[in-house]
Each structure stands twice: as C-alpha cells, then as structure tokens.
Amino acid sequence: MDFAVTPEQQQILDSVDRFARLRLPPGEVRRRDAAHLPPYDLLPEMGAMGLFALPVPVRQGGLGADWVTVALTQERLGWHAYMAASIFNRVVGFGIMSLLTYANSEQIAALLPRLLAGEALVALALTEPEAGSDAAAVRTRAERTPGGWRIHGRKIWISDANGASHLLTVARAEEGITLFLVPRQAAGIAMTELPKVGNNAMPSWDIGFDAVEVDGSALLGAPGTGFRHLMSTLHFSRASMAATVTGCAQAAVDAALAHAKARVQFSKPIGSFQAIRHRIADMQMRVDLSRHAVRHLAWLISTGQPCRREASQAKVVATETLQFVSDAGMQILASAGYSAESDMQRYWRDGRLYSFGEGSNEIQRDLIARELGL
C-alpha cells in the first residue's frame, strides 16, 4: 500500500483546487449556506471536468481510476466545501456505483451518461418514521401492476431529494425489500422541506408516495434482493462520507491553527500557550489517523478485498474526528468561532449530522463487533 500521490492524481487534485477557488471560494460557500442554496448548478461543470467519470471503467465512458483516487478527490472537495463533496458523493455513491453494481445494461445505458455529464442526481430514499438504522423495518410498499409497480409510503430526512432527477427508493414488495429508481417528477410524489440545524446547502425532505406508478425499468435487481444491494450502496456511501469529512476536519484544524497564530493575548499569539498548542496537536493527530483509515479502506476497495469492517471503522473514526476537531476549534476561536460569519461554526453544526447519517455510529460499532466474531 503506497500513500504517495501519483502525478496523475495530483493533476486531478489541482483541477479540483482551481474549480473550488473559482466557483466555491470561502465567501461563496458562506453565502450559499446562509441562503440555503444547494450547488446543483455546478453539477454540469463537475461533469465536464470528468470528476464523476473517475470510478467508471473506460469501456463505459469513464476514466477507470481506482477508489484511492476517488477518495483523494472526495477529501479535497470536503476541504474546500462539503456541499460540493456531498453532491459528488450522491452522483457517484448512490447513482454510479449502484448502477455499476446491480443495474442491468439497459438501465446503465439510459442513466449513466447523464450522471457522468452532471445532468442527473440520485437521492437515497431509505429513512422512514419507523425505519432508519433498522433498514429491514421499511414499510413503504411496492405492489405489482400490469405495467410495472405502484409505490405507497413515506420517507423522511431524504437529503437533496428536490434537486434529484431520481430517488433510489427502498420499498417492501411481496418478495421482500426491493429497490426502485423512481423519477423525481413521477405523479403522486409530494415533498415538504424539513428545517435543520445545519447542512443548509443540503436540504432534506419529507416525501409522500401516493400510488406512484413506475414501469418495470424502474426495478433495480430482482424483487427481494434490495437489502443486499442497499448494503452495497451504503458501503460506497460510507467510504465516501469518511473521505469527505476527513477533508472537512482538516479544514477545521487549518482554521484553528491560523487563528492561534494570529490571535494575540497577553502580548503573544495564543498558539504559544501550551493549552492551545496541545489541543491543536491532538486535533491534527486525529485527522491524520482518520486519513490513514480512509486511505487504507480506499486501497482495500481498489484491490477488491473484503472491507466491511474497515468501511464501518473509517466512517466512525472520520465522523467522530470532525466532531472532536470542530468542537475544539470552537473553543479555540471562542467568540470569533461563534460568529455566524465563521467557517468553524459551520463545521461544528454541520458535522453533528454525520455520526448518525449513512448508518449511525452505534450500528457501525455493532457491525465491527460482528465482524470480529462477537
């Protein structure tokens, strides 16, 4: 396992830096966060850059990059702006990897080119009032019709649903848990936005499915195979989250470090005081450990090795690292961090979501213990 960034990978990271400096500089990120404005308008630009093509085989119009390259890209996007990293992860994790893993050739041909071009976005419609961590408790129903399927039910806390072209919908058919790729504009879908503490540029929605009709092409995989396929989707999404929030955590450390050098108290920078120096050292150590977990997981994915435990570990380590460093950063910045204009307060409030999003960390710890034979 080699942690060195290759020249090709560095070119990709440099292009991400140029894109973010031009389209999502810090002031623009703050503006979009304050205005609750998602960056869906940037999807075609990201597609034109080839970012979504990274994990796609060359024979299918992609760049054939390994998952290490994808993880490096996710971390760099997360450092600049989580909102951009989030939509990248949805296109790649919920959309592209789901298609490549368990869609048929017709479905891939119909949607993959649009995803690569940034013309489509997939939101995962999993969580329900009585089903979240317990994905097997889904109550949304899918009934067969002469022309396909009819879906009834309700989903909540579905992020980016209103900006999505398709909802990767988890429903219960007669055969068991089944996945459907439902067009967002299908008749019978009603949506209400849910107010949140953070992640303002990643709006979440309460969705009602009232006799939503879809044809057979919406079925992903065979009926009853949805739970296994969902675990594959969540595997990639957890790896994506781990890489992305590691980038956010590094940004929080960098902000705290810059403040510690610039803020003067008692005639010297506060970074000269041992309490601050040691706290920042602890913050950076946590981020470096998170980065190692993410890179190791990415290498395992790239080399086709089993990594269920490592995916859960990386997700737990990264999300709890972000919470640790953003909380410590708020203490170091004090009133400057508590200001609504501070980036640190955004890392702090946004980061609180990730330890229970994409599968709670309590569930991840249970999966880890199970993999250890307990």
Protein backbone atom coordinates (compact mmCIF):
# COMPACT_ATOMS: atom_id res chain seq x y z
CA MET A 1 0.00 0.00 0.00
CA ASP A 2 1.61 3.23 -1.22
CA PHE A 3 0.38 6.55 0.18
CA ALA A 4 2.29 8.64 -2.36
CA VAL A 5 0.09 10.79 -4.59
CA THR A 6 0.84 9.98 -8.23
CA PRO A 7 1.35 12.73 -10.83
CA GLU A 8 -1.99 11.81 -12.39
CA GLN A 9 -3.76 12.06 -9.05
CA GLN A 10 -2.09 15.39 -8.35
CA GLN A 11 -3.39 16.74 -11.66
CA ILE A 12 -6.92 15.83 -10.60
CA LEU A 13 -6.47 17.47 -7.20
CA ASP A 14 -5.06 20.59 -8.85
CA SER A 15 -8.12 20.76 -11.09
CA VAL A 16 -10.37 20.44 -8.02
CA ASP A 17 -8.47 23.29 -6.37
CA ARG A 18 -8.88 25.53 -9.42
CA PHE A 19 -12.58 24.72 -9.67
CA ALA A 20 -13.21 25.38 -5.98
CA ARG A 21 -11.21 28.62 -5.89
CA LEU A 22 -13.21 29.90 -8.86
CA ARG A 23 -16.71 28.62 -8.09
CA LEU A 24 -16.76 27.96 -4.34
CA PRO A 25 -14.36 30.35 -2.60
CA PRO A 26 -15.00 30.76 1.17
CA GLY A 27 -17.24 33.78 0.71
CA GLU A 28 -19.44 31.96 -1.81
CA VAL A 29 -19.70 28.91 0.46
CA ARG A 30 -20.85 31.18 3.31
CA ARG A 31 -23.35 32.91 1.00
CA ARG A 32 -24.86 29.64 -0.17
CA ASP A 33 -25.02 28.32 3.38
CA ALA A 34 -26.79 31.46 4.62
CA ALA A 35 -29.18 31.43 1.65
CA HIS A 36 -29.82 27.66 1.90
CA LEU A 37 -28.72 27.42 -1.73
CA PRO A 38 -27.51 23.97 -2.90
CA PRO A 39 -24.80 23.85 -5.59
CA TYR A 40 -26.84 21.82 -8.09
CA ASP A 41 -25.94 24.39 -10.74
CA LEU A 42 -22.32 23.22 -10.54
CA LEU A 43 -23.07 19.62 -11.47
CA PRO A 44 -22.56 20.11 -15.24
CA GLU A 45 -19.20 21.81 -14.60
CA MET A 46 -18.10 18.93 -12.39
CA GLY A 47 -19.22 16.54 -15.10
CA ALA A 48 -17.29 18.41 -17.76
CA MET A 49 -14.18 18.16 -15.57
CA GLY A 50 -14.55 14.38 -15.61
CA LEU A 51 -14.95 14.09 -11.83
CA PHE A 52 -17.95 11.77 -11.99
CA ALA A 53 -16.18 9.58 -14.54
CA LEU A 54 -13.35 8.71 -12.15
CA PRO A 55 -14.55 5.27 -10.91
CA VAL A 56 -16.26 4.25 -14.16
CA PRO A 57 -14.48 1.74 -16.43
CA VAL A 58 -13.09 3.16 -19.66
CA ARG A 59 -15.27 0.81 -21.73
CA GLN A 60 -18.33 2.53 -20.22
CA GLY A 61 -17.15 6.06 -20.89
CA GLY A 62 -15.24 6.63 -17.67
CA LEU A 63 -11.66 7.29 -16.65
CA GLY A 64 -11.05 3.94 -14.93
CA ALA A 65 -9.46 5.47 -11.83
CA ASP A 66 -9.12 3.43 -8.66
CA TRP A 67 -11.01 4.19 -5.44
CA VAL A 68 -7.88 5.72 -3.88
CA THR A 69 -8.13 8.46 -6.50
CA VAL A 70 -11.83 8.85 -5.76
CA ALA A 71 -11.11 9.14 -2.01
CA LEU A 72 -8.40 11.75 -2.60
CA THR A 73 -10.85 13.76 -4.69
CA GLN A 74 -13.57 13.48 -2.05
CA GLU A 75 -11.21 14.63 0.69
CA ARG A 76 -10.08 17.63 -1.33
CA LEU A 77 -13.67 18.60 -2.17
CA GLY A 78 -14.57 18.25 1.51
CA TRP A 79 -11.70 20.55 2.47
CA HIS A 80 -13.00 23.25 0.14
CA ALA A 81 -16.77 22.84 0.55
CA TYR A 82 -18.77 19.95 1.93
CA MET A 83 -21.74 20.99 -0.20
CA ALA A 84 -19.79 20.16 -3.37
CA ALA A 85 -18.42 16.94 -1.90
CA SER A 86 -21.95 15.92 -0.89
CA ILE A 87 -23.41 16.12 -4.39
CA PHE A 88 -20.31 14.42 -5.80
CA ASN A 89 -20.90 11.58 -3.35
CA ARG A 90 -24.57 11.28 -4.31
CA VAL A 91 -23.82 11.10 -8.01
CA VAL A 92 -21.01 8.59 -7.50
CA GLY A 93 -22.19 6.57 -4.48
CA PHE A 94 -25.97 6.48 -4.83
CA GLY A 95 -26.03 6.78 -8.62
CA ILE A 96 -23.00 5.48 -10.49
CA MET A 97 -21.82 2.74 -8.12
CA SER A 98 -25.38 1.48 -7.64
CA LEU A 99 -25.80 1.23 -11.41
CA LEU A 100 -22.45 -0.47 -11.93
CA THR A 101 -23.05 -2.92 -9.09
CA TYR A 102 -26.58 -4.17 -9.66
CA ALA A 103 -28.37 -2.43 -12.56
CA ASN A 104 -28.96 -4.11 -15.91
CA SER A 105 -27.35 -2.99 -19.16
CA GLU A 106 -30.43 -1.06 -20.32
CA GLN A 107 -30.58 0.93 -17.08
CA ILE A 108 -26.87 1.68 -17.26
CA ALA A 109 -27.16 2.84 -20.86
CA ALA A 110 -30.14 5.07 -20.04
CA LEU A 111 -28.78 6.84 -16.95
CA LEU A 112 -25.00 6.50 -16.72
CA PRO A 113 -24.21 9.06 -19.47
CA ARG A 114 -26.44 11.62 -17.74
CA LEU A 115 -24.74 11.02 -14.40
CA LEU A 116 -21.29 11.36 -15.98
CA ALA A 117 -22.31 14.66 -17.58
CA GLY A 118 -23.73 16.09 -14.36
CA GLU A 119 -27.22 16.09 -15.83
CA ALA A 120 -28.69 13.73 -13.21
CA LEU A 121 -28.58 13.37 -9.43
CA VAL A 122 -29.72 10.42 -7.31
CA ALA A 123 -31.04 10.75 -3.75
CA LEU A 124 -31.39 7.71 -1.49
CA ALA A 125 -34.97 7.39 -0.20
CA LEU A 126 -34.45 4.98 2.69
CA THR A 127 -35.32 6.53 6.06
CA GLU A 128 -38.91 6.38 7.31
CA PRO A 129 -40.61 7.39 10.56
CA GLU A 130 -40.15 3.81 11.85
CA ALA A 131 -37.11 2.75 9.81
CA GLY A 132 -33.64 4.28 9.83
CA SER A 133 -30.84 2.28 11.36
CA ASP A 134 -33.22 -0.70 11.12
CA ALA A 135 -33.41 -0.66 7.32
CA ALA A 136 -35.22 -4.01 7.30
CA ALA A 137 -38.21 -2.35 9.01
CA VAL A 138 -39.16 -0.39 5.86
CA ARG A 139 -42.94 -0.08 5.47
CA THR A 140 -43.17 1.66 2.10
CA ARG A 141 -44.98 -0.84 -0.15
CA ALA A 142 -44.47 -1.78 -3.77
CA GLU A 143 -47.30 -3.62 -5.47
CA ARG A 144 -47.19 -5.20 -8.91
CA THR A 145 -49.39 -3.72 -11.63
CA PRO A 146 -49.96 -4.91 -15.22
CA GLY A 147 -47.44 -2.33 -16.43
CA GLY A 148 -44.94 -2.33 -13.57
CA TRP A 149 -45.24 -1.25 -9.93
CA ARG A 150 -47.27 1.02 -7.66
CA ILE A 151 -45.49 2.51 -4.63
CA HIS A 152 -47.18 3.75 -1.42
CA GLY A 153 -45.45 5.11 1.66
CA ARG A 154 -43.49 7.88 3.28
CA LYS A 155 -39.81 8.74 3.54
CA ILE A 156 -38.24 11.38 5.79
CA TRP A 157 -34.91 13.20 6.02
CA ILE A 158 -34.13 12.50 2.36
CA SER A 159 -31.29 14.86 1.52
CA ASP A 160 -31.13 16.61 -1.86
CA ALA A 161 -34.38 14.96 -2.93
CA ASN A 162 -35.88 18.06 -4.53
CA GLY A 163 -32.77 18.58 -6.66
CA ALA A 164 -32.55 14.94 -7.68
CA SER A 165 -33.59 13.53 -11.02
CA HIS A 166 -34.21 10.11 -9.42
CA LEU A 167 -34.99 8.70 -5.99
CA LEU A 168 -33.29 5.40 -5.17
CA THR A 169 -36.31 4.13 -3.26
CA VAL A 170 -36.32 1.27 -0.77
CA ALA A 171 -39.71 -0.48 -0.61
CA ARG A 172 -41.19 -3.75 0.54
CA ALA A 173 -42.58 -5.97 -2.21
CA GLU A 174 -44.19 -9.38 -1.76
CA GLU A 175 -40.76 -10.97 -2.21
CA GLY A 176 -39.09 -8.70 0.36
CA ILE A 177 -37.03 -5.48 0.34
CA THR A 178 -36.72 -4.20 -3.23
CA LEU A 179 -35.05 -1.16 -4.83
CA PHE A 180 -36.56 1.16 -7.41
CA LEU A 181 -35.10 4.07 -9.33
CA VAL A 182 -38.10 6.40 -9.26
CA PRO A 183 -38.13 9.56 -11.41
CA ARG A 184 -38.40 12.56 -9.10
CA GLN A 185 -41.22 14.07 -11.17
CA ALA A 186 -43.41 10.95 -11.08
CA ALA A 187 -47.07 11.64 -10.36
CA GLY A 188 -48.04 11.03 -6.74
CA ILE A 189 -44.83 12.30 -5.13
CA ALA A 190 -45.36 15.12 -2.60
CA MET A 191 -42.49 16.78 -0.75
CA THR A 192 -42.10 19.08 2.26
CA GLU A 193 -38.75 20.58 3.26
CA LEU A 194 -37.59 19.86 6.81
CA PRO A 195 -35.84 22.61 8.82
CA LYS A 196 -32.44 21.59 10.20
CA VAL A 197 -29.66 22.88 12.43
CA GLY A 198 -27.00 22.69 9.73
CA ASN A 199 -26.07 21.47 6.25
CA ASN A 200 -28.20 24.28 4.86
CA ALA A 201 -26.96 23.71 1.31
CA MET A 202 -28.03 20.05 1.53
CA PRO A 203 -31.79 20.37 2.13
CA SER A 204 -33.73 17.38 3.48
CA TRP A 205 -37.28 16.42 2.67
CA ASP A 206 -40.34 14.56 3.89
CA ILE A 207 -41.65 12.60 0.88
CA GLY A 208 -45.03 11.01 0.38
CA PHE A 209 -45.53 8.28 -2.25
CA ASP A 210 -49.24 8.21 -3.04
CA ALA A 211 -49.83 5.39 -5.55
CA VAL A 212 -46.73 6.32 -7.54
CA GLU A 213 -46.72 4.34 -10.78
CA VAL A 214 -43.43 3.20 -12.31
CA ASP A 215 -42.81 0.77 -15.14
CA GLY A 216 -40.62 -2.30 -14.99
CA SER A 217 -37.49 -0.37 -15.95
CA ALA A 218 -37.50 1.27 -12.50
CA LEU A 219 -36.84 -2.04 -10.74
CA LEU A 220 -33.17 -2.38 -9.74
CA GLY A 221 -32.16 -6.00 -9.43
CA ALA A 222 -34.65 -8.79 -8.79
CA PRO A 223 -37.54 -8.31 -6.34
CA GLY A 224 -36.47 -9.23 -2.82
CA THR A 225 -32.75 -8.57 -3.40
CA GLY A 226 -32.94 -4.96 -2.27
CA PHE A 227 -31.43 -5.35 1.18
CA ARG A 228 -28.24 -6.91 -0.19
CA HIS A 229 -27.99 -4.26 -2.89
CA LEU A 230 -28.68 -1.50 -0.36
CA MET A 231 -25.75 -2.70 1.76
CA SER A 232 -23.52 -2.35 -1.32
CA THR A 233 -24.73 1.22 -1.90
CA LEU A 234 -24.20 2.11 1.77
CA HIS A 235 -20.73 0.56 1.65
CA PHE A 236 -19.66 3.06 -1.00
CA SER A 237 -21.54 5.94 0.61
CA ARG A 238 -19.89 5.33 3.99
CA ALA A 239 -16.47 5.23 2.36
CA SER A 240 -17.36 8.48 0.60
CA MET A 241 -18.51 10.14 3.81
CA ALA A 242 -15.35 9.09 5.63
CA ALA A 243 -13.13 10.67 2.96
CA THR A 244 -15.23 13.82 2.70
CA VAL A 245 -15.46 14.59 6.40
CA THR A 246 -11.72 13.98 6.76
CA GLY A 247 -11.29 16.91 4.38
CA CYS A 248 -13.72 18.98 6.46
CA ALA A 249 -11.84 18.05 9.62
CA GLN A 250 -8.53 19.15 8.10
CA ALA A 251 -10.13 22.47 7.14
CA ALA A 252 -11.27 22.94 10.76
CA VAL A 253 -7.74 22.26 12.04
CA ASP A 254 -6.29 24.68 9.49
CA ALA A 255 -8.74 27.39 10.61
CA ALA A 256 -7.88 26.84 14.27
CA LEU A 257 -4.16 26.90 13.51
CA ALA A 258 -4.43 30.14 11.55
CA HIS A 259 -6.39 31.76 14.39
CA ALA A 260 -3.91 30.54 17.02
CA LYS A 261 -1.08 32.21 15.10
CA ALA A 262 -2.93 35.47 14.53
CA ARG A 263 -4.84 36.00 17.80
CA VAL A 264 -2.74 37.85 20.39
CA GLN A 265 -3.42 37.78 24.11
CA PHE A 266 -1.06 38.79 26.91
CA SER A 267 1.23 40.23 24.23
CA LYS A 268 1.79 36.97 22.35
CA PRO A 269 -0.09 34.66 19.97
CA ILE A 270 -2.40 32.25 21.77
CA GLY A 271 -0.72 29.41 19.89
CA SER A 272 2.30 29.92 22.13
CA PHE A 273 0.33 28.75 25.16
CA GLN A 274 0.67 25.07 25.91
CA ALA A 275 -3.07 24.50 26.33
CA ILE A 276 -3.72 25.70 22.78
CA ARG A 277 -0.63 24.05 21.25
CA HIS A 278 -1.51 20.66 22.71
CA ARG A 279 -5.14 20.92 21.70
CA ILE A 280 -4.22 21.68 18.10
CA ALA A 281 -1.68 18.84 18.17
CA ASP A 282 -4.44 16.47 19.32
CA MET A 283 -6.70 17.77 16.54
CA GLN A 284 -4.13 17.13 13.83
CA MET A 285 -3.31 13.68 15.18
CA ARG A 286 -6.98 12.73 14.99
CA VAL A 287 -7.22 13.94 11.39
CA ASP A 288 -4.08 12.07 10.36
CA LEU A 289 -5.42 8.85 11.90
CA SER A 290 -8.72 9.39 10.09
CA ARG A 291 -6.86 9.94 6.81
CA HIS A 292 -4.93 6.70 7.27
CA ALA A 293 -8.19 4.78 7.89
CA VAL A 294 -9.72 6.32 4.75
CA ARG A 295 -6.69 5.58 2.56
CA HIS A 296 -6.47 2.01 3.84
CA LEU A 297 -10.15 1.47 3.09
CA ALA A 298 -9.75 3.01 -0.37
CA TRP A 299 -6.84 0.67 -1.09
CA LEU A 300 -8.90 -2.33 0.00
CA ILE A 301 -11.77 -1.28 -2.27
CA SER A 302 -9.37 -0.66 -5.16
CA THR A 303 -7.78 -4.08 -4.80
CA GLY A 304 -11.11 -5.89 -4.45
CA GLN A 305 -10.56 -7.10 -0.91
CA PRO A 306 -13.29 -7.64 1.71
CA CYS A 307 -13.58 -4.46 3.80
CA ARG A 308 -16.93 -4.36 5.55
CA ARG A 309 -15.31 -3.83 8.96
CA GLU A 310 -12.85 -1.27 7.62
CA ALA A 311 -15.67 0.72 5.99
CA SER A 312 -17.54 0.96 9.27
CA GLN A 313 -14.33 1.80 11.12
CA ALA A 314 -13.40 4.57 8.71
CA LYS A 315 -16.90 6.06 8.91
CA VAL A 316 -16.85 6.09 12.73
CA VAL A 317 -13.30 7.43 13.02
CA ALA A 318 -13.78 10.19 10.44
CA THR A 319 -17.14 11.45 11.65
CA GLU A 320 -16.11 11.50 15.29
CA THR A 321 -12.84 13.17 14.34
CA LEU A 322 -14.75 16.01 12.69
CA GLN A 323 -16.90 16.44 15.79
CA PHE A 324 -13.81 16.47 18.02
CA VAL A 325 -11.83 18.99 15.98
CA SER A 326 -14.76 21.31 15.27
CA ASP A 327 -15.72 21.37 18.96
CA ALA A 328 -12.10 22.07 19.93
CA GLY A 329 -11.89 24.66 17.17
CA MET A 330 -14.95 26.44 18.55
CA GLN A 331 -13.24 26.64 21.93
CA ILE A 332 -10.02 27.97 20.43
CA LEU A 333 -11.75 30.59 18.29
CA ALA A 334 -14.19 31.45 21.12
CA SER A 335 -16.42 34.37 20.11
CA ALA A 336 -14.79 34.51 16.67
CA GLY A 337 -15.93 30.93 16.08
CA TYR A 338 -19.41 31.56 17.46
CA SER A 339 -19.96 34.32 14.93
CA ALA A 340 -22.40 33.42 12.16
CA GLU A 341 -19.72 34.56 9.69
CA SER A 342 -17.25 31.95 10.95
CA ASP A 343 -16.48 28.82 8.97
CA MET A 344 -15.79 26.99 12.23
CA GLN A 345 -19.39 27.23 13.40
CA ARG A 346 -20.48 25.70 10.09
CA TYR A 347 -18.09 22.76 10.52
CA TRP A 348 -19.38 22.39 14.08
CA ARG A 349 -23.10 22.34 13.34
CA ASP A 350 -22.81 20.50 10.01
CA GLY A 351 -20.56 17.82 11.47
CA ARG A 352 -23.10 16.82 14.10
CA LEU A 353 -25.13 15.04 11.42
CA TYR A 354 -22.53 12.64 10.15
CA SER A 355 -22.17 10.34 13.16
CA PHE A 356 -25.77 9.20 12.65
CA GLY A 357 -26.15 9.79 8.90
CA GLU A 358 -25.43 6.91 6.49
CA GLY A 359 -25.96 4.45 9.35
CA SER A 360 -25.46 5.55 12.96
CA ASN A 361 -22.07 5.03 14.57
CA GLU A 362 -23.74 2.78 17.14
CA ILE A 363 -24.83 0.48 14.31
CA GLN A 364 -21.32 0.69 12.81
CA ARG A 365 -19.80 -0.41 16.10
CA ASP A 366 -22.19 -3.34 16.20
CA LEU A 367 -21.15 -4.30 12.65
CA ILE A 368 -17.49 -4.06 13.63
CA ALA A 369 -18.07 -6.30 16.66
CA ARG A 370 -19.95 -8.79 14.49
CA GLU A 371 -17.06 -8.88 12.01
CA LEU A 372 -14.76 -9.63 14.95
CA GLY A 373 -16.88 -12.67 15.79
CA LEU A 374 -18.80 -11.26 18.76
